[in-house]
Amino acid sequence: MRRKGGKDDPLGAVTEWATYNAASVAQFRNMIARAQARPPVGAAMLAQIASQARNLLER
């Protein structure tokens, strides 16, 4: 979801994106919280977090 006005109003573009993807952002934050609650974080969990971050940012 890209806006032409994103360069003119980057804060507005980010706010709109965050609102549109609120459920996905919450799910990602929950995954991060689970990882932080169980140190040490293994390589598989880091790979999963990186994958989810990429997927979230591609939206």
N, C-alpha and C. Protein backbone atom coordinates (compact mmCIF):
# COMPACT_ATOMS: atom_id res chain seq x y z
N MET A 1 0.84 -1.17 0.00
CA MET A 1 0.00 0.00 0.00
C MET A 1 0.89 1.24 0.00
N ARG A 2 1.10 1.79 -1.15
CA ARG A 2 1.92 2.98 -1.26
C ARG A 2 1.06 4.16 -1.64
N ARG A 3 1.45 5.29 -1.12
CA ARG A 3 0.72 6.53 -1.43
C ARG A 3 1.65 7.46 -2.17
N LYS A 4 1.10 8.17 -3.12
CA LYS A 4 1.91 9.17 -3.82
C LYS A 4 2.34 10.28 -2.87
N GLY A 5 1.50 10.60 -1.91
CA GLY A 5 1.80 11.68 -0.98
C GLY A 5 2.74 11.28 0.14
N GLY A 6 3.27 10.07 0.10
CA GLY A 6 4.15 9.59 1.17
C GLY A 6 5.38 10.44 1.37
N LYS A 7 5.92 10.99 0.27
CA LYS A 7 7.10 11.84 0.39
C LYS A 7 6.76 13.19 1.01
N ASP A 8 5.55 13.64 0.77
CA ASP A 8 5.13 14.93 1.31
C ASP A 8 4.74 14.83 2.78
N ASP A 9 4.22 13.69 3.18
CA ASP A 9 3.75 13.50 4.55
C ASP A 9 4.15 12.10 5.04
N PRO A 10 5.46 11.89 5.32
CA PRO A 10 5.89 10.55 5.72
C PRO A 10 5.25 10.07 7.02
N LEU A 11 5.05 10.97 7.98
CA LEU A 11 4.42 10.57 9.24
C LEU A 11 3.00 10.10 9.00
N GLY A 12 2.28 10.80 8.15
CA GLY A 12 0.92 10.40 7.81
C GLY A 12 0.89 9.06 7.10
N ALA A 13 1.87 8.82 6.22
CA ALA A 13 1.94 7.55 5.50
C ALA A 13 2.21 6.40 6.47
N VAL A 14 3.11 6.61 7.42
CA VAL A 14 3.41 5.57 8.41
C VAL A 14 2.20 5.33 9.31
N THR A 15 1.54 6.38 9.72
CA THR A 15 0.35 6.24 10.56
C THR A 15 -0.74 5.47 9.84
N GLU A 16 -0.95 5.79 8.58
CA GLU A 16 -1.96 5.08 7.79
C GLU A 16 -1.59 3.61 7.64
N TRP A 17 -0.31 3.34 7.36
CA TRP A 17 0.15 1.96 7.22
C TRP A 17 -0.06 1.19 8.52
N ALA A 18 0.34 1.80 9.65
CA ALA A 18 0.21 1.14 10.95
C ALA A 18 -1.25 0.86 11.29
N THR A 19 -2.13 1.78 10.96
CA THR A 19 -3.56 1.58 11.21
C THR A 19 -4.09 0.45 10.35
N TYR A 20 -3.72 0.44 9.09
CA TYR A 20 -4.19 -0.58 8.15
C TYR A 20 -3.68 -1.97 8.54
N ASN A 21 -2.48 -2.04 9.12
CA ASN A 21 -1.85 -3.32 9.47
C ASN A 21 -1.81 -3.56 10.97
N ALA A 22 -2.72 -2.98 11.72
CA ALA A 22 -2.69 -3.05 13.18
C ALA A 22 -2.69 -4.48 13.70
N ALA A 23 -3.49 -5.35 13.12
CA ALA A 23 -3.55 -6.74 13.60
C ALA A 23 -2.23 -7.45 13.36
N SER A 24 -1.63 -7.24 12.21
CA SER A 24 -0.35 -7.88 11.90
C SER A 24 0.77 -7.35 12.78
N VAL A 25 0.75 -6.05 13.05
CA VAL A 25 1.75 -5.45 13.94
C VAL A 25 1.61 -6.03 15.35
N ALA A 26 0.39 -6.18 15.82
CA ALA A 26 0.16 -6.76 17.15
C ALA A 26 0.65 -8.20 17.21
N GLN A 27 0.40 -8.96 16.17
CA GLN A 27 0.87 -10.35 16.12
C GLN A 27 2.39 -10.39 16.15
N PHE A 28 3.04 -9.51 15.40
CA PHE A 28 4.50 -9.45 15.38
C PHE A 28 5.04 -9.07 16.76
N ARG A 29 4.42 -8.09 17.40
CA ARG A 29 4.87 -7.69 18.74
C ARG A 29 4.71 -8.82 19.75
N ASN A 30 3.65 -9.60 19.63
CA ASN A 30 3.47 -10.75 20.52
C ASN A 30 4.57 -11.77 20.32
N MET A 31 4.97 -12.00 19.06
CA MET A 31 6.06 -12.94 18.79
C MET A 31 7.36 -12.45 19.41
N ILE A 32 7.63 -11.16 19.30
CA ILE A 32 8.83 -10.57 19.90
C ILE A 32 8.78 -10.74 21.43
N ALA A 33 7.64 -10.49 22.02
CA ALA A 33 7.49 -10.62 23.48
C ALA A 33 7.74 -12.06 23.92
N ARG A 34 7.23 -13.03 23.15
CA ARG A 34 7.48 -14.44 23.50
C ARG A 34 8.97 -14.76 23.43
N ALA A 35 9.64 -14.25 22.41
CA ALA A 35 11.08 -14.50 22.27
C ALA A 35 11.85 -13.86 23.42
N GLN A 36 11.48 -12.67 23.81
CA GLN A 36 12.17 -11.98 24.90
C GLN A 36 11.92 -12.66 26.24
N ALA A 37 10.80 -13.34 26.37
CA ALA A 37 10.46 -14.00 27.64
C ALA A 37 11.23 -15.30 27.83
N ARG A 38 11.80 -15.85 26.75
CA ARG A 38 12.49 -17.13 26.85
C ARG A 38 13.93 -17.05 26.34
N PRO A 39 14.78 -16.28 27.01
CA PRO A 39 16.17 -16.24 26.55
C PRO A 39 16.88 -17.55 26.87
N PRO A 40 17.88 -17.97 26.19
CA PRO A 40 18.41 -17.34 24.98
C PRO A 40 17.54 -17.69 23.77
N VAL A 41 17.48 -16.76 22.85
CA VAL A 41 16.70 -16.96 21.63
C VAL A 41 17.56 -17.75 20.65
N GLY A 42 16.99 -18.82 20.13
CA GLY A 42 17.72 -19.68 19.20
C GLY A 42 17.70 -19.15 17.78
N ALA A 43 18.52 -19.76 16.96
CA ALA A 43 18.63 -19.36 15.56
C ALA A 43 17.31 -19.52 14.82
N ALA A 44 16.58 -20.58 15.12
CA ALA A 44 15.30 -20.81 14.43
C ALA A 44 14.30 -19.70 14.76
N MET A 45 14.26 -19.28 16.00
CA MET A 45 13.34 -18.21 16.39
C MET A 45 13.75 -16.89 15.74
N LEU A 46 15.06 -16.61 15.69
CA LEU A 46 15.52 -15.39 15.03
C LEU A 46 15.17 -15.40 13.55
N ALA A 47 15.30 -16.56 12.91
CA ALA A 47 14.94 -16.67 11.50
C ALA A 47 13.44 -16.43 11.31
N GLN A 48 12.63 -16.95 12.21
CA GLN A 48 11.18 -16.75 12.13
C GLN A 48 10.82 -15.28 12.32
N ILE A 49 11.47 -14.63 13.27
CA ILE A 49 11.22 -13.21 13.51
C ILE A 49 11.62 -12.39 12.28
N ALA A 50 12.77 -12.69 11.71
CA ALA A 50 13.22 -11.96 10.51
C ALA A 50 12.26 -12.16 9.35
N SER A 51 11.78 -13.38 9.18
CA SER A 51 10.84 -13.68 8.11
C SER A 51 9.53 -12.91 8.30
N GLN A 52 9.03 -12.91 9.52
CA GLN A 52 7.79 -12.19 9.81
C GLN A 52 7.97 -10.68 9.63
N ALA A 53 9.14 -10.16 10.01
CA ALA A 53 9.40 -8.73 9.83
C ALA A 53 9.40 -8.37 8.35
N ARG A 54 10.05 -9.20 7.54
CA ARG A 54 10.06 -8.94 6.09
C ARG A 54 8.65 -8.97 5.53
N ASN A 55 7.88 -9.98 5.92
CA ASN A 55 6.51 -10.09 5.43
C ASN A 55 5.67 -8.88 5.84
N LEU A 56 5.84 -8.44 7.07
CA LEU A 56 5.08 -7.30 7.56
C LEU A 56 5.44 -6.02 6.81
N LEU A 57 6.72 -5.82 6.58
CA LEU A 57 7.16 -4.59 5.92
C LEU A 57 6.85 -4.57 4.43
N GLU A 58 6.60 -5.73 3.84
CA GLU A 58 6.25 -5.78 2.42
C GLU A 58 4.80 -5.37 2.18
N ARG A 59 4.01 -5.31 3.21
CA ARG A 59 2.58 -4.98 3.05
C ARG A 59 2.38 -3.53 2.77
